[in-house]
Protein backbone atom coordinates (compact mmCIF):
# COMPACT_ATOMS: atom_id res chain seq x y z
CA UNK A 1 0.60 -1.65 -38.15
CA UNK A 2 -1.79 0.39 -40.31
CA UNK A 3 -3.58 0.05 -43.61
CA UNK A 4 -0.73 1.45 -45.68
CA UNK A 5 1.80 -0.93 -44.22
CA UNK A 6 -0.43 -3.93 -44.87
CA UNK A 7 -1.00 -2.87 -48.44
CA UNK A 8 2.67 -2.05 -48.94
CA UNK A 9 3.67 -5.47 -47.56
CA UNK A 10 1.34 -7.23 -50.01
CA UNK A 11 2.64 -5.10 -52.86
CA UNK A 12 6.29 -5.69 -52.04
CA UNK A 13 5.80 -9.46 -51.82
CA UNK A 14 3.34 -9.52 -54.74
CA UNK A 15 0.57 -10.96 -52.61
CA UNK A 16 -2.89 -10.55 -54.08
CA UNK A 17 -5.41 -9.89 -51.34
CA UNK A 18 -8.58 -11.92 -51.27
CA UNK A 19 -11.87 -10.06 -50.94
CA UNK A 20 -13.37 -12.97 -48.97
CA UNK A 21 -10.38 -13.12 -46.60
CA UNK A 22 -10.55 -9.40 -46.04
CA UNK A 23 -14.29 -9.60 -45.32
CA UNK A 24 -13.54 -12.26 -42.73
CA UNK A 25 -10.83 -10.00 -41.26
CA UNK A 26 -13.35 -7.15 -41.04
CA UNK A 27 -15.70 -9.47 -39.10
CA UNK A 28 -12.97 -10.42 -36.62
CA UNK A 29 -12.08 -6.77 -36.03
CA UNK A 30 -15.72 -6.01 -35.27
CA UNK A 31 -15.88 -9.01 -32.95
CA UNK A 32 -12.94 -7.65 -30.97
CA UNK A 33 -14.23 -4.08 -30.77
CA UNK A 34 -17.92 -3.25 -31.14
CA UNK A 35 -19.39 -6.66 -30.28
CA UNK A 36 -17.09 -7.01 -27.27
CA UNK A 37 -17.33 -3.48 -25.95
CA UNK A 38 -21.10 -3.30 -26.24
CA UNK A 39 -21.51 -6.13 -23.74
CA UNK A 40 -21.02 -3.48 -21.03
CA UNK A 41 -24.03 -1.48 -22.15
CA UNK A 42 -26.42 -1.15 -19.22
CA UNK A 43 -29.47 -2.26 -21.25
CA UNK A 44 -27.63 -4.95 -23.12
CA UNK A 45 -30.27 -7.68 -22.71
CA UNK A 46 -33.04 -5.44 -23.97
CA UNK A 47 -30.85 -4.33 -26.91
CA UNK A 48 -29.90 -7.92 -27.81
CA UNK A 49 -33.50 -8.96 -27.91
CA UNK A 50 -34.41 -5.99 -30.00
CA UNK A 51 -31.75 -6.84 -32.59
CA UNK A 52 -32.87 -10.48 -32.63
CA UNK A 53 -36.46 -9.39 -33.21
CA UNK A 54 -35.47 -7.26 -36.19
CA UNK A 55 -33.47 -10.17 -37.62
CA UNK A 56 -36.41 -12.60 -37.01
CA UNK A 57 -34.29 -14.64 -34.59
CA UNK A 58 -35.36 -16.05 -31.24
CA UNK A 59 -32.93 -14.81 -28.60
CA UNK A 60 -33.70 -17.81 -26.40
CA UNK A 61 -32.17 -20.02 -29.03
CA UNK A 62 -28.84 -18.22 -28.59
CA UNK A 63 -27.54 -19.48 -25.28
CA UNK A 64 -24.72 -17.03 -24.78
CA UNK A 65 -26.69 -13.94 -25.87
CA UNK A 66 -23.56 -12.71 -27.66
CA UNK A 67 -23.58 -10.87 -30.96
CA UNK A 68 -20.79 -13.00 -32.29
CA UNK A 69 -22.92 -16.09 -31.88
CA UNK A 70 -25.83 -14.27 -33.50
CA UNK A 71 -23.69 -13.34 -36.55
CA UNK A 72 -21.84 -16.71 -36.56
CA UNK A 73 -18.89 -14.79 -38.04
CA UNK A 74 -20.88 -14.26 -41.24
CA UNK A 75 -19.89 -11.06 -43.06
CA UNK A 76 -23.36 -10.03 -44.17
CA UNK A 77 -25.03 -10.93 -40.87
CA UNK A 78 -22.36 -8.85 -39.17
CA UNK A 79 -23.00 -5.72 -41.23
CA UNK A 80 -26.77 -6.09 -40.77
CA UNK A 81 -26.30 -6.23 -37.01
CA UNK A 82 -24.06 -3.17 -37.14
CA UNK A 83 -26.74 -1.16 -38.97
CA UNK A 84 -29.41 -2.23 -36.51
CA UNK A 85 -27.21 -1.35 -33.54
CA UNK A 86 -26.44 2.06 -34.97
CA UNK A 87 -30.18 2.71 -35.40
CA UNK A 88 -30.89 1.40 -31.89
CA UNK A 89 -28.69 4.19 -30.47
CA UNK A 90 -30.44 6.93 -32.42
CA UNK A 91 -30.85 8.93 -29.19
CA UNK A 92 -27.28 8.34 -28.02
CA UNK A 93 -25.03 10.07 -30.48
CA UNK A 94 -21.83 9.29 -28.59
CA UNK A 95 -22.46 5.57 -29.01
CA UNK A 96 -23.33 6.05 -32.66
CA UNK A 97 -20.08 7.96 -33.17
CA UNK A 98 -18.15 5.16 -31.46
CA UNK A 99 -19.71 2.53 -33.70
CA UNK A 100 -18.93 4.56 -36.83
CA UNK A 101 -15.36 5.12 -35.65
CA UNK A 102 -14.72 1.42 -35.16
CA UNK A 103 -16.40 0.47 -38.44
CA UNK A 104 -14.30 3.00 -40.40
CA UNK A 105 -11.19 1.88 -38.60
CA UNK A 106 -11.87 -1.77 -39.44
CA UNK A 107 -12.52 -0.84 -43.08
CA UNK A 108 -9.32 1.10 -43.28
CA UNK A 109 -7.24 -1.97 -42.46
CA UNK A 110 -8.56 -3.90 -45.45
CA UNK A 111 -5.90 -4.46 -48.13
CA UNK A 112 -8.51 -4.71 -50.88
CA UNK A 113 -11.97 -3.31 -51.47
CA UNK A 114 -14.35 -5.57 -49.51
CA UNK A 115 -17.40 -4.33 -51.39
CA UNK A 116 -18.96 -1.93 -48.89
CA UNK A 117 -18.84 1.68 -47.72
CA UNK A 118 -20.24 3.11 -44.45
CA UNK A 119 -22.07 6.41 -44.31
CA UNK A 120 -24.61 7.78 -41.82
CA UNK A 121 -25.53 4.45 -40.34
CA UNK A 122 -25.91 2.50 -43.59
CA UNK A 123 -23.62 0.20 -45.56
CA UNK A 124 -23.63 0.85 -49.30
CA UNK A 125 -22.09 -1.25 -52.03
CA UNK A 126 -18.81 0.27 -53.11
CA UNK A 127 -18.72 1.30 -56.73
CA UNK A 128 -18.62 4.57 -58.65
CA UNK A 129 -18.60 7.03 -55.74
CA UNK A 130 -20.48 9.86 -57.50
CA UNK A 131 -23.12 7.47 -58.77
CA UNK A 132 -23.46 5.89 -55.33
CA UNK A 133 -23.99 9.26 -53.68
CA UNK A 134 -26.51 10.59 -56.15
CA UNK A 135 -28.36 7.42 -57.13
CA UNK A 136 -28.08 5.19 -54.06
CA UNK A 137 -27.52 7.30 -50.94
CA UNK A 138 -29.62 10.36 -51.85
CA UNK A 139 -32.73 8.34 -52.69
CA UNK A 140 -32.82 7.18 -49.06
CA UNK A 141 -33.37 10.80 -48.02
CA UNK A 142 -35.95 11.38 -50.76
CA UNK A 143 -37.84 8.32 -49.61
CA UNK A 144 -38.18 9.40 -45.96
CA UNK A 145 -41.78 10.36 -46.62
CA UNK A 146 -42.41 6.98 -48.25
CA UNK A 147 -41.41 4.38 -45.61
CA UNK A 148 -42.72 1.32 -47.41
CA UNK A 149 -40.83 2.19 -50.59
CA UNK A 150 -37.75 3.07 -48.58
CA UNK A 151 -37.88 -0.39 -46.96
CA UNK A 152 -38.16 -1.97 -50.44
CA UNK A 153 -35.10 -0.01 -51.61
CA UNK A 154 -33.17 -1.07 -48.51
CA UNK A 155 -34.11 -4.69 -49.21
CA UNK A 156 -32.96 -4.38 -52.83
CA UNK A 157 -29.69 -2.86 -51.70
CA UNK A 158 -29.19 -5.58 -49.10
CA UNK A 159 -29.67 -8.33 -51.73
CA UNK A 160 -27.29 -6.58 -54.04
CA UNK A 161 -24.59 -6.16 -51.39
CA UNK A 162 -24.80 -9.90 -50.58
CA UNK A 163 -23.32 -10.66 -54.06
CA UNK A 164 -25.37 -13.81 -54.01
CA UNK A 165 -26.41 -14.56 -57.58
CA UNK A 166 -29.53 -16.30 -56.31
CA UNK A 167 -30.65 -12.97 -54.85
CA UNK A 168 -29.96 -10.76 -57.89
CA UNK A 169 -33.49 -11.32 -59.13
CA UNK A 170 -34.81 -10.05 -55.80
CA UNK A 171 -32.88 -6.83 -56.44
CA UNK A 172 -34.91 -6.31 -59.62
CA UNK A 173 -38.19 -7.23 -57.93
CA UNK A 174 -37.71 -4.93 -54.96
CA UNK A 175 -36.48 -2.05 -57.08
CA UNK A 176 -39.66 -2.37 -59.20
CA UNK A 177 -41.76 -2.24 -56.02
CA UNK A 178 -40.12 1.07 -55.11
CA UNK A 179 -41.18 2.80 -58.29
CA UNK A 180 -44.59 1.12 -58.43
CA UNK A 181 -45.22 2.10 -54.79
CA UNK A 182 -44.28 5.73 -55.47
CA UNK A 183 -46.68 5.86 -58.40
CA UNK A 184 -49.49 4.40 -56.28
CA UNK A 185 -48.89 6.86 -53.48
CA UNK A 186 -48.70 9.89 -55.74
CA UNK A 187 -51.79 8.88 -57.78
CA UNK A 188 -53.66 7.48 -54.77
CA UNK A 189 -54.63 4.20 -56.42
CA UNK A 190 -53.67 0.50 -56.42
CA UNK A 191 -52.89 0.07 -60.10
CA UNK A 192 -49.82 -1.70 -61.44
CA UNK A 193 -46.96 0.49 -62.59
CA UNK A 194 -47.66 -0.41 -66.22
CA UNK A 195 -51.21 0.84 -65.84
CA UNK A 196 -50.12 3.94 -63.93
CA UNK A 197 -47.28 5.20 -66.18
CA UNK A 198 -49.48 7.41 -68.43
CA UNK A 199 -51.18 9.03 -65.42
CA UNK A 200 -47.90 9.38 -63.58
CA UNK A 201 -46.11 11.23 -66.35
CA UNK A 202 -49.12 13.42 -67.04
CA UNK A 203 -49.20 14.44 -63.37
CA UNK A 204 -45.45 15.02 -63.19
CA UNK A 205 -45.40 16.81 -66.58
CA UNK A 206 -42.39 14.86 -67.85
CA UNK A 207 -41.30 14.45 -71.40
CA UNK A 208 -42.02 11.56 -73.80
CA UNK A 209 -38.33 10.54 -73.59
CA UNK A 210 -38.65 9.77 -69.89
CA UNK A 211 -41.90 7.92 -70.52
CA UNK A 212 -39.93 5.67 -72.93
CA UNK A 213 -37.25 5.07 -70.29
CA UNK A 214 -39.89 4.07 -67.73
CA UNK A 215 -41.53 1.74 -70.26
CA UNK A 216 -38.24 -0.03 -70.88
CA UNK A 217 -37.74 -0.22 -67.10
CA UNK A 218 -41.16 -1.84 -66.66
CA UNK A 219 -40.65 -4.21 -69.57
CA UNK A 220 -37.32 -5.42 -68.20
CA UNK A 221 -38.82 -6.11 -64.76
CA UNK A 222 -41.89 -7.78 -66.20
CA UNK A 223 -39.88 -9.95 -68.55
CA UNK A 224 -37.75 -11.08 -65.63
CA UNK A 225 -40.81 -11.95 -63.53
CA UNK A 226 -42.34 -13.93 -66.41
CA UNK A 227 -39.16 -15.91 -66.98
CA UNK A 228 -37.81 -15.93 -63.40
CA UNK A 229 -37.08 -19.64 -63.34
CA UNK A 230 -34.95 -19.33 -66.46
CA UNK A 231 -33.40 -15.93 -65.78
CA UNK A 232 -32.65 -16.14 -62.05
CA UNK A 233 -29.31 -17.98 -62.45
CA UNK A 234 -28.25 -16.33 -65.68
CA UNK A 235 -29.04 -12.73 -64.82
CA UNK A 236 -26.15 -10.37 -65.48
CA UNK A 237 -24.80 -8.68 -62.33
CA UNK A 238 -23.77 -5.44 -64.18
CA UNK A 239 -27.36 -5.24 -65.51
CA UNK A 240 -28.73 -5.59 -61.99
CA UNK A 241 -26.35 -2.85 -60.79
CA UNK A 242 -27.59 -0.61 -63.61
CA UNK A 243 -31.22 -1.38 -62.74
CA UNK A 244 -30.48 -0.38 -59.16
CA UNK A 245 -29.00 2.94 -60.34
CA UNK A 246 -31.89 3.58 -62.70
CA UNK A 247 -34.28 2.97 -59.80
CA UNK A 248 -32.44 5.63 -57.80
CA UNK A 249 -32.64 7.98 -60.80
CA UNK A 250 -36.34 7.44 -61.23
CA UNK A 251 -36.95 7.82 -57.52
CA UNK A 252 -35.21 11.23 -57.45
CA UNK A 253 -36.96 12.33 -60.66
CA UNK A 254 -40.44 11.32 -59.54
CA UNK A 255 -40.22 12.76 -56.02
CA UNK A 256 -38.53 15.99 -57.13
CA UNK A 257 -41.22 16.69 -59.72
CA UNK A 258 -43.99 15.63 -57.36
CA UNK A 259 -42.89 18.23 -54.86
CA UNK A 260 -42.59 21.07 -57.37
């Protein structure tokens, strides 16, 4: 049975697929393939401990030393483990290819969009594909020379993918750190982004219009921080998504002009 048959079955019988159920199905498919097959890896124990370390977990607390117990069948824990595993095998392309193959296969069986896409070892939130490629995926490449800011962007993306409203504010905070960190690195100082914006745009030779956009970006982030207790549970998810995209746009713009 393949993806089209599952979708066709649901359509014929007018069954509306549940995103949560399909996320759970994805987890079970990964449990039966990658997490099971990888137990035969010759350095499994070393690998398991490395993954636990990256997740801030004590492997000795997990009696079975199995990835399924580590993930506890949680969707977001599962996809985090998959990204770490893929990175662990950076010098073994055949294993990376196998992981990607099984992930894409598991995704293909979903009858509804489960909210993620897989590309080059990273899960991205599914959305407008062109925007995702230019404003989410590409900034990761631009940020290779800025590891701290790249980590902040990855954290922001992870919080956004979680779809946990309690973490939406963290998306804004971490996105802001990306742009602030870039400004500090480029200008070689420790000033806040608000205090650096004039120097940054002078150095990059950008127009007043872009300065206005950055000012609004800063004001939005600062307003959120000042009223975090009030805003955290009422923040608008589409606004957070837009803030994430604008961060990607600013990242590309700043780094491109810095390198000219």
